[in-house]
Amino acid sequence: MIALVNIFGGVVIIATRFISLGALAVVLGVYWLVAGVIGLLGGLARQEGRIERASIGLLSLVAGLLALLLPAVSLVALV
């Protein structure tokens, strides 16, 4: 699933050369959002490493939401 998001993000960034910074913020936000949901669900489904996986998934989910809600701030933070 995450590989498909990576491929889609790469295509979007290559296809939109002139607005690639805005697209980068959106693609990165969607990537972190999907990775966070997958990490959170994966952490809750397993017994070993449950807290670590769920914590990283939750952190990624919050980072994705912040990147989508505040793209200009997330770009400044990335720079």
PDB file of N, CA and C in Angstrom:
ATOM      1  N   MET A   1       0.823  -1.194   0.000  1.00  0.00           N
ATOM      2  CA  MET A   1       0.000   0.000   0.000  1.00  0.00           C
ATOM      3  C   MET A   1       0.867   1.259   0.000  1.00  0.00           C
ATOM      4  N   ILE A   2       1.870   1.253   0.845  1.00  0.00           N
ATOM      5  CA  ILE A   2       2.737   2.426   0.929  1.00  0.00           C
ATOM      6  C   ILE A   2       3.554   2.577  -0.356  1.00  0.00           C
ATOM      7  N   ALA A   3       3.882   1.455  -0.994  1.00  0.00           N
ATOM      8  CA  ALA A   3       4.621   1.534  -2.258  1.00  0.00           C
ATOM      9  C   ALA A   3       3.785   2.224  -3.335  1.00  0.00           C
ATOM     10  N   LEU A   4       2.485   1.969  -3.346  1.00  0.00           N
ATOM     11  CA  LEU A   4       1.617   2.640  -4.315  1.00  0.00           C
ATOM     12  C   LEU A   4       1.538   4.134  -4.039  1.00  0.00           C
ATOM     13  N   VAL A   5       1.520   4.514  -2.775  1.00  0.00           N
ATOM     14  CA  VAL A   5       1.525   5.938  -2.425  1.00  0.00           C
ATOM     15  C   VAL A   5       2.832   6.574  -2.865  1.00  0.00           C
ATOM     16  N   ASN A   6       3.955   5.865  -2.711  1.00  0.00           N
ATOM     17  CA  ASN A   6       5.253   6.387  -3.165  1.00  0.00           C
ATOM     18  C   ASN A   6       5.263   6.600  -4.673  1.00  0.00           C
ATOM     19  N   ILE A   7       4.766   5.620  -5.410  1.00  0.00           N
ATOM     20  CA  ILE A   7       4.741   5.746  -6.869  1.00  0.00           C
ATOM     21  C   ILE A   7       3.845   6.901  -7.290  1.00  0.00           C
ATOM     22  N   PHE A   8       2.649   6.993  -6.700  1.00  0.00           N
ATOM     23  CA  PHE A   8       1.730   8.077  -7.023  1.00  0.00           C
ATOM     24  C   PHE A   8       2.356   9.433  -6.703  1.00  0.00           C
ATOM     25  N   GLY A   9       3.013   9.539  -5.557  1.00  0.00           N
ATOM     26  CA  GLY A   9       3.656  10.800  -5.180  1.00  0.00           C
ATOM     27  C   GLY A   9       4.759  11.191  -6.136  1.00  0.00           C
ATOM     28  N   GLY A  10       5.554  10.224  -6.570  1.00  0.00           N
ATOM     29  CA  GLY A  10       6.608  10.518  -7.527  1.00  0.00           C
ATOM     30  C   GLY A  10       6.064  10.993  -8.863  1.00  0.00           C
ATOM     31  N   VAL A  11       4.997  10.374  -9.314  1.00  0.00           N
ATOM     32  CA  VAL A  11       4.377  10.778 -10.572  1.00  0.00           C
ATOM     33  C   VAL A  11       3.803  12.183 -10.460  1.00  0.00           C
ATOM     34  N   VAL A  12       3.157  12.490  -9.338  1.00  0.00           N
ATOM     35  CA  VAL A  12       2.577  13.823  -9.150  1.00  0.00           C
ATOM     36  C   VAL A  12       3.669  14.880  -9.134  1.00  0.00           C
ATOM     37  N   ILE A  13       4.753  14.623  -8.447  1.00  0.00           N
ATOM     38  CA  ILE A  13       5.835  15.610  -8.354  1.00  0.00           C
ATOM     39  C   ILE A  13       6.511  15.803  -9.712  1.00  0.00           C
ATOM     40  N   ILE A  14       6.704  14.728 -10.457  1.00  0.00           N
ATOM     41  CA  ILE A  14       7.322  14.856 -11.782  1.00  0.00           C
ATOM     42  C   ILE A  14       6.379  15.558 -12.757  1.00  0.00           C
ATOM     43  N   ALA A  15       5.089  15.249 -12.672  1.00  0.00           N
ATOM     44  CA  ALA A  15       4.124  15.825 -13.613  1.00  0.00           C
ATOM     45  C   ALA A  15       3.871  17.303 -13.350  1.00  0.00           C
ATOM     46  N   THR A  16       4.024  17.753 -12.122  1.00  0.00           N
ATOM     47  CA  THR A  16       3.741  19.151 -11.776  1.00  0.00           C
ATOM     48  C   THR A  16       5.037  19.837 -11.364  1.00  0.00           C
ATOM     49  N   ARG A  17       5.878  20.076 -12.346  1.00  0.00           N
ATOM     50  CA  ARG A  17       7.182  20.680 -12.052  1.00  0.00           C
ATOM     51  C   ARG A  17       7.067  22.087 -11.515  1.00  0.00           C
ATOM     52  N   PHE A  18       6.090  22.846 -11.988  1.00  0.00           N
ATOM     53  CA  PHE A  18       6.019  24.256 -11.616  1.00  0.00           C
ATOM     54  C   PHE A  18       5.355  24.478 -10.266  1.00  0.00           C
ATOM     55  N   ILE A  19       4.556  23.554  -9.851  1.00  0.00           N
ATOM     56  CA  ILE A  19       3.939  23.684  -8.529  1.00  0.00           C
ATOM     57  C   ILE A  19       4.388  22.531  -7.632  1.00  0.00           C
ATOM     58  N   SER A  20       5.618  22.101  -7.817  1.00  0.00           N
ATOM     59  CA  SER A  20       6.085  20.913  -7.122  1.00  0.00           C
ATOM     60  C   SER A  20       6.240  21.114  -5.617  1.00  0.00           C
ATOM     61  N   LEU A  21       6.490  22.325  -5.143  1.00  0.00           N
ATOM     62  CA  LEU A  21       6.608  22.512  -3.699  1.00  0.00           C
ATOM     63  C   LEU A  21       5.270  22.306  -3.003  1.00  0.00           C
ATOM     64  N   GLY A  22       4.221  22.852  -3.564  1.00  0.00           N
ATOM     65  CA  GLY A  22       2.897  22.623  -2.987  1.00  0.00           C
ATOM     66  C   GLY A  22       2.489  21.167  -3.099  1.00  0.00           C
ATOM     67  N   ALA A  23       2.794  20.565  -4.239  1.00  0.00           N
ATOM     68  CA  ALA A  23       2.479  19.149  -4.432  1.00  0.00           C
ATOM     69  C   ALA A  23       3.301  18.284  -3.489  1.00  0.00           C
ATOM     70  N   LEU A  24       4.540  18.673  -3.257  1.00  0.00           N
ATOM     71  CA  LEU A  24       5.388  17.929  -2.332  1.00  0.00           C
ATOM     72  C   LEU A  24       4.806  17.936  -0.933  1.00  0.00           C
ATOM     73  N   ALA A  25       4.306  19.074  -0.488  1.00  0.00           N
ATOM     74  CA  ALA A  25       3.707  19.159   0.847  1.00  0.00           C
ATOM     75  C   ALA A  25       2.471  18.276   0.941  1.00  0.00           C
ATOM     76  N   VAL A  26       1.655  18.277  -0.088  1.00  0.00           N
ATOM     77  CA  VAL A  26       0.440  17.449  -0.072  1.00  0.00           C
ATOM     78  C   VAL A  26       0.784  15.967  -0.142  1.00  0.00           C
ATOM     79  N   VAL A  27       1.696  15.608  -1.033  1.00  0.00           N
ATOM     80  CA  VAL A  27       2.082  14.205  -1.173  1.00  0.00           C
ATOM     81  C   VAL A  27       2.732  13.700   0.107  1.00  0.00           C
ATOM     82  N   LEU A  28       3.583  14.492   0.699  1.00  0.00           N
ATOM     83  CA  LEU A  28       4.213  14.097   1.948  1.00  0.00           C
ATOM     84  C   LEU A  28       3.186  13.948   3.060  1.00  0.00           C
ATOM     85  N   GLY A  29       2.224  14.851   3.105  1.00  0.00           N
ATOM     86  CA  GLY A  29       1.167  14.746   4.101  1.00  0.00           C
ATOM     87  C   GLY A  29       0.331  13.495   3.929  1.00  0.00           C
ATOM     88  N   VAL A  30      -0.028  13.181   2.684  1.00  0.00           N
ATOM     89  CA  VAL A  30      -0.809  11.966   2.417  1.00  0.00           C
ATOM     90  C   VAL A  30       0.017  10.730   2.740  1.00  0.00           C
ATOM     91  N   TYR A  31       1.290  10.746   2.388  1.00  0.00           N
ATOM     92  CA  TYR A  31       2.166   9.616   2.684  1.00  0.00           C
ATOM     93  C   TYR A  31       2.245   9.366   4.185  1.00  0.00           C
ATOM     94  N   TRP A  32       2.496  10.417   4.961  1.00  0.00           N
ATOM     95  CA  TRP A  32       2.575  10.251   6.410  1.00  0.00           C
ATOM     96  C   TRP A  32       1.241   9.830   7.003  1.00  0.00           C
ATOM     97  N   LEU A  33       0.154  10.321   6.436  1.00  0.00           N
ATOM     98  CA  LEU A  33      -1.171   9.957   6.918  1.00  0.00           C
ATOM     99  C   LEU A  33      -1.435   8.470   6.688  1.00  0.00           C
ATOM    100  N   VAL A  34      -1.172   7.980   5.482  1.00  0.00           N
ATOM    101  CA  VAL A  34      -1.386   6.562   5.174  1.00  0.00           C
ATOM    102  C   VAL A  34      -0.427   5.690   5.975  1.00  0.00           C
ATOM    103  N   ALA A  35       0.829   6.086   6.064  1.00  0.00           N
ATOM    104  CA  ALA A  35       1.801   5.316   6.842  1.00  0.00           C
ATOM    105  C   ALA A  35       1.426   5.296   8.314  1.00  0.00           C
ATOM    106  N   GLY A  36       0.873   6.389   8.817  1.00  0.00           N
ATOM    107  CA  GLY A  36       0.449   6.433  10.203  1.00  0.00           C
ATOM    108  C   GLY A  36      -0.712   5.507  10.492  1.00  0.00           C
ATOM    109  N   VAL A  37      -1.692   5.483   9.599  1.00  0.00           N
ATOM    110  CA  VAL A  37      -2.833   4.585   9.786  1.00  0.00           C
ATOM    111  C   VAL A  37      -2.378   3.132   9.713  1.00  0.00           C
ATOM    112  N   ILE A  38      -1.530   2.810   8.742  1.00  0.00           N
ATOM    113  CA  ILE A  38      -1.036   1.442   8.616  1.00  0.00           C
ATOM    114  C   ILE A  38      -0.190   1.063   9.830  1.00  0.00           C
ATOM    115  N   GLY A  39       0.661   1.968  10.285  1.00  0.00           N
ATOM    116  CA  GLY A  39       1.479   1.694  11.462  1.00  0.00           C
ATOM    117  C   GLY A  39       0.651   1.537  12.726  1.00  0.00           C
ATOM    118  N   LEU A  40      -0.359   2.363  12.872  1.00  0.00           N
ATOM    119  CA  LEU A  40      -1.218   2.276  14.047  1.00  0.00           C
ATOM    120  C   LEU A  40      -2.002   0.966  14.055  1.00  0.00           C
ATOM    121  N   LEU A  41      -2.584   0.615  12.935  1.00  0.00           N
ATOM    122  CA  LEU A  41      -3.334  -0.643  12.860  1.00  0.00           C
ATOM    123  C   LEU A  41      -2.411  -1.854  12.986  1.00  0.00           C
ATOM    124  N   GLY A  42      -1.229  -1.768  12.396  1.00  0.00           N
ATOM    125  CA  GLY A  42      -0.264  -2.852  12.524  1.00  0.00           C
ATOM    126  C   GLY A  42       0.238  -3.003  13.953  1.00  0.00           C
ATOM    127  N   GLY A  43       0.391  -1.891  14.646  1.00  0.00           N
ATOM    128  CA  GLY A  43       0.822  -1.956  16.043  1.00  0.00           C
ATOM    129  C   GLY A  43      -0.242  -2.540  16.945  1.00  0.00           C
ATOM    130  N   LEU A  44      -1.483  -2.272  16.650  1.00  0.00           N
ATOM    131  CA  LEU A  44      -2.560  -2.803  17.479  1.00  0.00           C
ATOM    132  C   LEU A  44      -2.831  -4.276  17.196  1.00  0.00           C
ATOM    133  N   ALA A  45      -2.433  -4.763  16.022  1.00  0.00           N
ATOM    134  CA  ALA A  45      -2.700  -6.144  15.645  1.00  0.00           C
ATOM    135  C   ALA A  45      -1.649  -7.117  16.162  1.00  0.00           C
ATOM    136  N   ARG A  46      -0.464  -6.643  16.484  1.00  0.00           N
ATOM    137  CA  ARG A  46       0.622  -7.540  16.903  1.00  0.00           C
ATOM    138  C   ARG A  46       0.802  -7.510  18.419  1.00  0.00           C
ATOM    139  N   GLN A  47       1.421  -8.571  18.917  1.00  0.00           N
ATOM    140  CA  GLN A  47       1.694  -8.641  20.349  1.00  0.00           C
ATOM    141  C   GLN A  47       3.042  -8.024  20.698  1.00  0.00           C
ATOM    142  N   GLU A  48       4.106  -8.417  19.986  1.00  0.00           N
ATOM    143  CA  GLU A  48       5.429  -7.902  20.309  1.00  0.00           C
ATOM    144  C   GLU A  48       5.656  -6.560  19.623  1.00  0.00           C
ATOM    145  N   GLY A  49       6.168  -5.626  20.352  1.00  0.00           N
ATOM    146  CA  GLY A  49       6.433  -4.297  19.828  1.00  0.00           C
ATOM    147  C   GLY A  49       5.183  -3.475  19.597  1.00  0.00           C
ATOM    148  N   ARG A  50       4.130  -3.790  20.304  1.00  0.00           N
ATOM    149  CA  ARG A  50       2.844  -3.124  20.091  1.00  0.00           C
ATOM    150  C   ARG A  50       2.922  -1.639  20.410  1.00  0.00           C
ATOM    151  N   ILE A  51       3.503  -1.297  21.520  1.00  0.00           N
ATOM    152  CA  ILE A  51       3.539   0.107  21.951  1.00  0.00           C
ATOM    153  C   ILE A  51       4.412   0.934  21.012  1.00  0.00           C
ATOM    154  N   GLU A  52       5.564   0.388  20.620  1.00  0.00           N
ATOM    155  CA  GLU A  52       6.461   1.129  19.739  1.00  0.00           C
ATOM    156  C   GLU A  52       5.832   1.363  18.371  1.00  0.00           C
ATOM    157  N   ARG A  53       5.246   0.338  17.797  1.00  0.00           N
ATOM    158  CA  ARG A  53       4.631   0.469  16.468  1.00  0.00           C
ATOM    159  C   ARG A  53       3.438   1.415  16.497  1.00  0.00           C
ATOM    160  N   ALA A  54       2.621   1.291  17.515  1.00  0.00           N
ATOM    161  CA  ALA A  54       1.446   2.157  17.619  1.00  0.00           C
ATOM    162  C   ALA A  54       1.876   3.605  17.861  1.00  0.00           C
ATOM    163  N   SER A  55       2.930   3.813  18.647  1.00  0.00           N
ATOM    164  CA  SER A  55       3.414   5.170  18.913  1.00  0.00           C
ATOM    165  C   SER A  55       3.960   5.823  17.646  1.00  0.00           C
ATOM    166  N   ILE A  56       4.736   5.080  16.890  1.00  0.00           N
ATOM    167  CA  ILE A  56       5.283   5.615  15.647  1.00  0.00           C
ATOM    168  C   ILE A  56       4.162   5.867  14.644  1.00  0.00           C
ATOM    169  N   GLY A  57       3.184   4.988  14.601  1.00  0.00           N
ATOM    170  CA  GLY A  57       2.040   5.185  13.714  1.00  0.00           C
ATOM    171  C   GLY A  57       1.253   6.427  14.086  1.00  0.00           C
ATOM    172  N   LEU A  58       1.043   6.634  15.382  1.00  0.00           N
ATOM    173  CA  LEU A  58       0.321   7.817  15.841  1.00  0.00           C
ATOM    174  C   LEU A  58       1.106   9.087  15.548  1.00  0.00           C
ATOM    175  N   LEU A  59       2.416   9.057  15.744  1.00  0.00           N
ATOM    176  CA  LEU A  59       3.257  10.213  15.441  1.00  0.00           C
ATOM    177  C   LEU A  59       3.220  10.536  13.943  1.00  0.00           C
ATOM    178  N   SER A  60       3.277   9.511  13.105  1.00  0.00           N
ATOM    179  CA  SER A  60       3.207   9.719  11.669  1.00  0.00           C
ATOM    180  C   SER A  60       1.845  10.244  11.247  1.00  0.00           C
ATOM    181  N   LEU A  61       0.793   9.765  11.892  1.00  0.00           N
ATOM    182  CA  LEU A  61      -0.554  10.247  11.598  1.00  0.00           C
ATOM    183  C   LEU A  61      -0.700  11.725  11.932  1.00  0.00           C
ATOM    184  N   VAL A  62      -0.181  12.133  13.071  1.00  0.00           N
ATOM    185  CA  VAL A  62      -0.237  13.547  13.469  1.00  0.00           C
ATOM    186  C   VAL A  62       0.608  14.402  12.527  1.00  0.00           C
ATOM    187  N   ALA A  63       1.786  13.917  12.144  1.00  0.00           N
ATOM    188  CA  ALA A  63       2.637  14.667  11.211  1.00  0.00           C
ATOM    189  C   ALA A  63       1.956  14.822   9.859  1.00  0.00           C
ATOM    190  N   GLY A  64       1.272  13.790   9.394  1.00  0.00           N
ATOM    191  CA  GLY A  64       0.553  13.877   8.130  1.00  0.00           C
ATOM    192  C   GLY A  64      -0.583  14.875   8.186  1.00  0.00           C
ATOM    193  N   LEU A  65      -1.324  14.879   9.282  1.00  0.00           N
ATOM    194  CA  LEU A  65      -2.412  15.852   9.430  1.00  0.00           C
ATOM    195  C   LEU A  65      -1.881  17.279   9.462  1.00  0.00           C
ATOM    196  N   LEU A  66      -0.783  17.485  10.196  1.00  0.00           N
ATOM    197  CA  LEU A  66      -0.196  18.826  10.252  1.00  0.00           C
ATOM    198  C   LEU A  66       0.334  19.254   8.886  1.00  0.00           C
ATOM    199  N   ALA A  67       0.930  18.335   8.161  1.00  0.00           N
ATOM    200  CA  ALA A  67       1.455  18.680   6.832  1.00  0.00           C
ATOM    201  C   ALA A  67       0.328  19.024   5.865  1.00  0.00           C
ATOM    202  N   LEU A  68      -0.822  18.372   6.004  1.00  0.00           N
ATOM    203  CA  LEU A  68      -1.949  18.685   5.122  1.00  0.00           C
ATOM    204  C   LEU A  68      -2.664  19.958   5.535  1.00  0.00           C
ATOM    205  N   LEU A  69      -2.759  20.206   6.833  1.00  0.00           N
ATOM    206  CA  LEU A  69      -3.457  21.396   7.304  1.00  0.00           C
ATOM    207  C   LEU A  69      -2.615  22.659   7.185  1.00  0.00           C
ATOM    208  N   LEU A  70      -1.315  22.537   7.369  1.00  0.00           N
ATOM    209  CA  LEU A  70      -0.403  23.685   7.321  1.00  0.00           C
ATOM    210  C   LEU A  70       0.748  23.393   6.356  1.00  0.00           C
ATOM    211  N   PRO A  71       0.496  23.383   5.054  1.00  0.00           N
ATOM    212  CA  PRO A  71       1.564  23.004   4.116  1.00  0.00           C
ATOM    213  C   PRO A  71       2.729  23.986   4.086  1.00  0.00           C
ATOM    214  N   ALA A  72       2.465  25.269   4.259  1.00  0.00           N
ATOM    215  CA  ALA A  72       3.567  26.235   4.220  1.00  0.00           C
ATOM    216  C   ALA A  72       4.492  26.061   5.412  1.00  0.00           C
ATOM    217  N   VAL A  73       3.941  25.812   6.562  1.00  0.00           N
ATOM    218  CA  VAL A  73       4.747  25.611   7.770  1.00  0.00           C
ATOM    219  C   VAL A  73       5.542  24.304   7.650  1.00  0.00           C
ATOM    220  N   SER A  74       4.918  23.267   7.093  1.00  0.00           N
ATOM    221  CA  SER A  74       5.640  22.008   6.952  1.00  0.00           C
ATOM    222  C   SER A  74       6.786  22.117   5.947  1.00  0.00           C
ATOM    223  N   LEU A  75       6.604  22.917   4.903  1.00  0.00           N
ATOM    224  CA  LEU A  75       7.701  23.132   3.957  1.00  0.00           C
ATOM    225  C   LEU A  75       8.854  23.885   4.594  1.00  0.00           C
ATOM    226  N   VAL A  76       8.535  24.872   5.402  1.00  0.00           N
ATOM    227  CA  VAL A  76       9.591  25.613   6.114  1.00  0.00           C
ATOM    228  C   VAL A  76      10.327  24.686   7.078  1.00  0.00           C
ATOM    229  N   ALA A  77       9.589  23.814   7.750  1.00  0.00           N
ATOM    230  CA  ALA A  77      10.217  22.872   8.668  1.00  0.00           C
ATOM    231  C   ALA A  77      11.092  21.866   7.922  1.00  0.00           C
ATOM    232  N   LEU A  78      10.698  21.471   6.724  1.00  0.00           N
ATOM    233  CA  LEU A  78      11.503  20.540   5.947  1.00  0.00           C
ATOM    234  C   LEU A  78      12.787  21.183   5.438  1.00  0.00           C
ATOM    235  N   VAL A  79      12.710  22.457   5.141  1.00  0.00           N
ATOM    236  CA  VAL A  79      13.897  23.148   4.640  1.00  0.00           C
ATOM    237  C   VAL A  79      14.879  23.314   5.775  1.00  0.00           C
TER     238      VAL A  79
END
